[in-house]
Each structure stands twice: as structure tokens, then as C-alpha cells.
N, C-alpha and C. Protein backbone atom coordinates (compact mmCIF):
# COMPACT_ATOMS: atom_id res chain seq x y z
N MET A 1 0.84 -1.18 0.00
CA MET A 1 0.00 0.00 0.00
C MET A 1 0.88 1.25 0.00
N PHE A 2 0.29 2.38 0.18
CA PHE A 2 1.00 3.64 0.09
C PHE A 2 0.73 4.49 1.32
N SER A 3 1.70 5.29 1.67
CA SER A 3 1.56 6.26 2.76
C SER A 3 2.14 7.57 2.26
N GLY A 4 1.94 8.61 3.06
CA GLY A 4 2.48 9.92 2.70
C GLY A 4 1.61 10.62 1.68
N GLY A 5 2.16 11.63 1.02
CA GLY A 5 1.45 12.39 0.01
C GLY A 5 1.22 13.82 0.43
N SER A 6 0.95 14.65 -0.55
CA SER A 6 0.67 16.06 -0.26
C SER A 6 -0.67 16.18 0.45
N TYR A 7 -0.92 17.33 1.01
CA TYR A 7 -2.18 17.59 1.70
C TYR A 7 -3.36 17.31 0.76
N GLU A 8 -3.27 17.77 -0.47
CA GLU A 8 -4.35 17.61 -1.43
C GLU A 8 -4.54 16.14 -1.82
N ASP A 9 -3.44 15.42 -1.99
CA ASP A 9 -3.54 13.99 -2.32
C ASP A 9 -4.22 13.21 -1.20
N VAL A 10 -3.84 13.50 0.02
CA VAL A 10 -4.42 12.80 1.16
C VAL A 10 -5.89 13.20 1.32
N GLU A 11 -6.21 14.44 1.05
CA GLU A 11 -7.60 14.91 1.11
C GLU A 11 -8.47 14.15 0.12
N ARG A 12 -7.99 14.01 -1.12
CA ARG A 12 -8.74 13.25 -2.14
C ARG A 12 -8.92 11.80 -1.70
N TRP A 13 -7.85 11.20 -1.19
CA TRP A 13 -7.92 9.82 -0.72
C TRP A 13 -8.95 9.68 0.39
N LEU A 14 -8.93 10.61 1.35
CA LEU A 14 -9.84 10.53 2.49
C LEU A 14 -11.30 10.64 2.04
N LYS A 15 -11.59 11.56 1.13
CA LYS A 15 -12.97 11.70 0.65
C LYS A 15 -13.42 10.45 -0.11
N MET A 16 -12.55 9.91 -0.94
CA MET A 16 -12.90 8.68 -1.68
C MET A 16 -13.08 7.51 -0.72
N PHE A 17 -12.24 7.43 0.29
CA PHE A 17 -12.35 6.36 1.28
C PHE A 17 -13.67 6.47 2.03
N PHE A 18 -14.01 7.70 2.46
CA PHE A 18 -15.29 7.92 3.14
C PHE A 18 -16.46 7.50 2.26
N ASN A 19 -16.49 7.98 1.02
CA ASN A 19 -17.59 7.63 0.11
C ASN A 19 -17.65 6.14 -0.14
N SER A 20 -16.53 5.53 -0.35
CA SER A 20 -16.48 4.10 -0.64
C SER A 20 -17.12 3.27 0.46
N HIS A 21 -16.84 3.61 1.70
CA HIS A 21 -17.36 2.80 2.80
C HIS A 21 -18.75 3.23 3.24
N ALA A 22 -19.07 4.50 3.18
CA ALA A 22 -20.41 4.96 3.54
C ALA A 22 -21.45 4.44 2.55
N LYS A 23 -21.11 4.41 1.28
CA LYS A 23 -22.05 3.97 0.25
C LYS A 23 -22.30 2.47 0.31
N ARG A 24 -21.52 1.74 1.06
CA ARG A 24 -21.80 0.31 1.26
C ARG A 24 -23.03 0.13 2.15
N GLU A 25 -23.34 1.15 2.93
CA GLU A 25 -24.55 1.10 3.76
C GLU A 25 -25.76 1.60 2.98
N ASP A 26 -25.57 2.62 2.17
CA ASP A 26 -26.63 3.14 1.31
C ASP A 26 -25.97 4.04 0.26
N PRO A 27 -26.22 3.79 -1.02
CA PRO A 27 -25.55 4.58 -2.06
C PRO A 27 -25.91 6.06 -2.05
N ARG A 28 -26.94 6.44 -1.31
CA ARG A 28 -27.34 7.85 -1.26
C ARG A 28 -26.58 8.65 -0.21
N VAL A 29 -25.79 7.99 0.64
CA VAL A 29 -25.00 8.69 1.65
C VAL A 29 -23.79 9.32 0.96
N GLU A 30 -23.52 10.57 1.28
CA GLU A 30 -22.41 11.30 0.67
C GLU A 30 -21.43 11.79 1.74
N ALA A 31 -20.16 11.75 1.41
CA ALA A 31 -19.12 12.30 2.29
C ALA A 31 -18.91 13.77 1.96
N ALA A 32 -18.58 14.54 2.98
CA ALA A 32 -18.24 15.95 2.79
C ALA A 32 -17.02 16.27 3.63
N LEU A 33 -16.14 17.10 3.07
CA LEU A 33 -14.96 17.53 3.81
C LEU A 33 -15.06 19.03 4.04
N ASP A 34 -14.62 19.45 5.21
CA ASP A 34 -14.61 20.86 5.58
C ASP A 34 -13.54 21.58 4.78
N GLY A 35 -13.90 22.59 4.03
CA GLY A 35 -12.96 23.34 3.22
C GLY A 35 -12.41 24.57 3.92
N ASP A 36 -12.50 24.62 5.24
CA ASP A 36 -12.04 25.76 6.01
C ASP A 36 -10.54 26.00 5.79
N GLU A 37 -10.17 27.21 5.43
CA GLU A 37 -8.77 27.52 5.18
C GLU A 37 -7.89 27.38 6.41
N GLU A 38 -8.47 27.48 7.60
CA GLU A 38 -7.70 27.33 8.83
C GLU A 38 -7.14 25.91 8.96
N ARG A 39 -7.75 24.95 8.32
CA ARG A 39 -7.30 23.56 8.36
C ARG A 39 -6.19 23.28 7.36
N GLN A 40 -6.09 24.09 6.33
CA GLN A 40 -5.20 23.83 5.20
C GLN A 40 -3.80 23.41 5.66
N GLY A 41 -3.42 22.22 5.23
CA GLY A 41 -2.09 21.70 5.53
C GLY A 41 -1.94 21.08 6.91
N ARG A 42 -3.00 21.14 7.74
CA ARG A 42 -2.90 20.65 9.11
C ARG A 42 -3.87 19.53 9.45
N SER A 43 -5.14 19.68 9.01
CA SER A 43 -6.15 18.72 9.44
C SER A 43 -7.30 18.68 8.44
N TYR A 44 -8.19 17.73 8.69
CA TYR A 44 -9.41 17.58 7.89
C TYR A 44 -10.60 17.45 8.83
N GLY A 45 -11.72 17.96 8.39
CA GLY A 45 -12.98 17.72 9.06
C GLY A 45 -13.87 17.00 8.05
N ALA A 46 -14.48 15.92 8.46
CA ALA A 46 -15.31 15.15 7.53
C ALA A 46 -16.61 14.76 8.21
N TRP A 47 -17.65 14.65 7.43
CA TRP A 47 -18.93 14.17 7.93
C TRP A 47 -19.67 13.50 6.79
N LEU A 48 -20.74 12.81 7.14
CA LEU A 48 -21.59 12.14 6.16
C LEU A 48 -22.92 12.85 6.08
N ARG A 49 -23.49 12.89 4.88
CA ARG A 49 -24.80 13.51 4.67
C ARG A 49 -25.75 12.51 4.04
N PHE A 50 -27.00 12.62 4.45
CA PHE A 50 -28.08 11.84 3.82
C PHE A 50 -29.28 12.76 3.76
N GLY A 51 -29.55 13.30 2.59
CA GLY A 51 -30.60 14.30 2.47
C GLY A 51 -30.29 15.48 3.37
N PRO A 52 -31.26 15.90 4.19
CA PRO A 52 -31.01 17.04 5.08
C PRO A 52 -30.29 16.65 6.38
N HIS A 53 -30.00 15.39 6.56
CA HIS A 53 -29.39 14.89 7.80
C HIS A 53 -27.88 14.75 7.63
N SER A 54 -27.16 14.90 8.74
CA SER A 54 -25.72 14.72 8.68
C SER A 54 -25.20 14.21 10.02
N THR A 55 -24.01 13.63 9.97
CA THR A 55 -23.35 13.16 11.19
C THR A 55 -22.58 14.31 11.81
N ALA A 56 -22.06 14.07 12.99
CA ALA A 56 -21.18 15.04 13.63
C ALA A 56 -19.86 15.09 12.86
N LEU A 57 -19.18 16.20 12.98
CA LEU A 57 -17.88 16.38 12.33
C LEU A 57 -16.86 15.44 12.95
N MET A 58 -16.12 14.75 12.09
CA MET A 58 -15.03 13.87 12.53
C MET A 58 -13.73 14.57 12.17
N GLU A 59 -12.83 14.69 13.13
CA GLU A 59 -11.57 15.40 12.95
C GLU A 59 -10.43 14.44 12.66
N PHE A 60 -9.57 14.81 11.71
CA PHE A 60 -8.41 13.99 11.35
C PHE A 60 -7.19 14.88 11.16
N ASP A 61 -6.08 14.48 11.75
CA ASP A 61 -4.82 15.18 11.58
C ASP A 61 -4.20 14.76 10.26
N TYR A 62 -3.75 15.72 9.47
CA TYR A 62 -3.16 15.43 8.17
C TYR A 62 -2.00 14.44 8.28
N GLN A 63 -1.07 14.68 9.18
CA GLN A 63 0.09 13.81 9.30
C GLN A 63 -0.31 12.39 9.67
N GLU A 64 -1.30 12.25 10.55
CA GLU A 64 -1.75 10.92 10.95
C GLU A 64 -2.35 10.15 9.78
N VAL A 65 -3.22 10.82 9.02
CA VAL A 65 -3.84 10.16 7.87
C VAL A 65 -2.77 9.80 6.83
N ALA A 66 -1.89 10.75 6.55
CA ALA A 66 -0.84 10.51 5.56
C ALA A 66 0.05 9.34 5.97
N GLN A 67 0.38 9.27 7.24
CA GLN A 67 1.26 8.22 7.73
C GLN A 67 0.60 6.84 7.74
N HIS A 68 -0.69 6.78 8.07
CA HIS A 68 -1.35 5.49 8.30
C HIS A 68 -2.25 5.00 7.17
N ARG A 69 -2.47 5.80 6.14
CA ARG A 69 -3.42 5.38 5.10
C ARG A 69 -2.96 4.15 4.33
N GLY A 70 -1.72 3.78 4.47
CA GLY A 70 -1.21 2.57 3.82
C GLY A 70 -1.22 1.35 4.73
N GLU A 71 -1.73 1.51 5.95
CA GLU A 71 -1.75 0.41 6.92
C GLU A 71 -3.14 -0.22 6.98
N LEU A 72 -3.20 -1.50 6.71
CA LEU A 72 -4.47 -2.21 6.65
C LEU A 72 -5.27 -2.09 7.95
N ALA A 73 -4.65 -2.30 9.09
CA ALA A 73 -5.37 -2.25 10.37
C ALA A 73 -5.97 -0.87 10.60
N TRP A 74 -5.23 0.18 10.29
CA TRP A 74 -5.73 1.54 10.48
C TRP A 74 -6.92 1.79 9.54
N CYS A 75 -6.80 1.34 8.30
CA CYS A 75 -7.88 1.52 7.33
C CYS A 75 -9.14 0.73 7.72
N VAL A 76 -8.95 -0.47 8.24
CA VAL A 76 -10.10 -1.27 8.69
C VAL A 76 -10.82 -0.56 9.82
N ALA A 77 -10.07 -0.02 10.77
CA ALA A 77 -10.68 0.70 11.90
C ALA A 77 -11.44 1.93 11.41
N LEU A 78 -10.86 2.67 10.47
CA LEU A 78 -11.53 3.85 9.93
C LEU A 78 -12.78 3.46 9.14
N ALA A 79 -12.69 2.42 8.34
CA ALA A 79 -13.85 1.94 7.56
C ALA A 79 -14.98 1.53 8.50
N THR A 80 -14.64 0.86 9.59
CA THR A 80 -15.65 0.44 10.57
C THR A 80 -16.33 1.66 11.18
N ARG A 81 -15.54 2.66 11.52
CA ARG A 81 -16.10 3.90 12.09
C ARG A 81 -17.02 4.60 11.10
N ILE A 82 -16.62 4.68 9.85
CA ILE A 82 -17.43 5.34 8.82
C ILE A 82 -18.74 4.60 8.61
N ARG A 83 -18.67 3.28 8.50
CA ARG A 83 -19.89 2.49 8.28
C ARG A 83 -20.83 2.59 9.47
N GLN A 84 -20.28 2.62 10.68
CA GLN A 84 -21.11 2.77 11.88
C GLN A 84 -21.81 4.14 11.85
N GLN A 85 -21.07 5.18 11.50
CA GLN A 85 -21.67 6.51 11.40
C GLN A 85 -22.77 6.54 10.33
N ALA A 86 -22.53 5.88 9.21
CA ALA A 86 -23.54 5.83 8.14
C ALA A 86 -24.80 5.10 8.62
N ARG A 87 -24.63 4.00 9.32
CA ARG A 87 -25.80 3.26 9.84
C ARG A 87 -26.59 4.11 10.83
N GLN A 88 -25.88 4.82 11.70
CA GLN A 88 -26.56 5.68 12.67
C GLN A 88 -27.29 6.82 11.96
N LEU A 89 -26.66 7.37 10.94
CA LEU A 89 -27.29 8.43 10.16
C LEU A 89 -28.57 7.93 9.51
N LEU A 90 -28.52 6.76 8.91
CA LEU A 90 -29.70 6.20 8.26
C LEU A 90 -30.79 5.85 9.26
N ALA A 91 -30.40 5.32 10.41
CA ALA A 91 -31.39 4.96 11.43
C ALA A 91 -32.08 6.19 12.00
N GLY A 92 -31.37 7.31 12.07
CA GLY A 92 -31.93 8.54 12.61
C GLY A 92 -32.72 9.34 11.60
N SER A 93 -32.67 8.93 10.34
CA SER A 93 -33.36 9.65 9.29
C SER A 93 -34.79 9.13 9.16
N THR A 94 -35.73 10.03 9.03
CA THR A 94 -37.12 9.62 8.85
C THR A 94 -37.38 9.16 7.43
N VAL A 95 -36.43 9.41 6.53
CA VAL A 95 -36.63 9.04 5.12
C VAL A 95 -35.74 7.87 4.73
N ALA A 96 -35.17 7.17 5.70
CA ALA A 96 -34.23 6.09 5.39
C ALA A 96 -34.87 4.97 4.58
N ASP A 97 -36.15 4.75 4.74
CA ASP A 97 -36.80 3.65 4.05
C ASP A 97 -37.42 4.07 2.71
N VAL A 98 -37.32 5.33 2.36
CA VAL A 98 -37.86 5.80 1.09
C VAL A 98 -36.86 5.46 0.00
N ARG A 99 -37.31 4.83 -1.05
CA ARG A 99 -36.43 4.46 -2.15
C ARG A 99 -36.06 5.69 -2.99
N ALA A 100 -34.84 5.72 -3.45
CA ALA A 100 -34.39 6.80 -4.34
C ALA A 100 -35.12 6.66 -5.67
N ARG A 101 -35.47 7.77 -6.26
CA ARG A 101 -36.18 7.73 -7.55
C ARG A 101 -35.23 7.95 -8.68
């Protein structure tokens, strides 16, 4: 696997990773990253959205993600966390059982 990368490379990886695992619970769940300039080069804020509903902001240090994104155990733990958040989001949504048109 791979580790390291520029802030932008790691940001793209993190968003794709979030979407990949959240959509396993429901393809309508979307990942969002905080574009706040104060975070630039230091950290990421990420959350999941489902219609008008969203999860709490999850904070990630840039160096930690860059260092560990190539480690299977770290990725499994993050994927588990993302999927759990997606399930909670869907369970808390009043429209979770409505089929997408």
C-alpha cells in the first residue's frame, strides 16, 4: 500500500475512502470535507450527509492520515467507524426507508 502524500492527495484519498465505505450502507450517503482555510495543511474535518441529515464532524490530523493510510489495520478501523456513522445516520433519518427515484 501507500503512505504519505501532499495535503491535497491525502484529502482526495480521504474523501474517496469515506464515500467508498459509507455507500456500502446506502448509495445515497455522501461524504463531505470541511474546506475551512484554517485547516489547510494541518487537518481535515469530515462528515456524512443523507438528504437534510448529517453526522457530527469527525476530525483527522493530516500527518496521521498521511502516515497510516497505507496500513491495513488503520484503514479497517476507519472503515468500521465510517460504516457505523452511516448506519446511525440512516437509522436517525425519517426518510431512510424511502427508495431513491
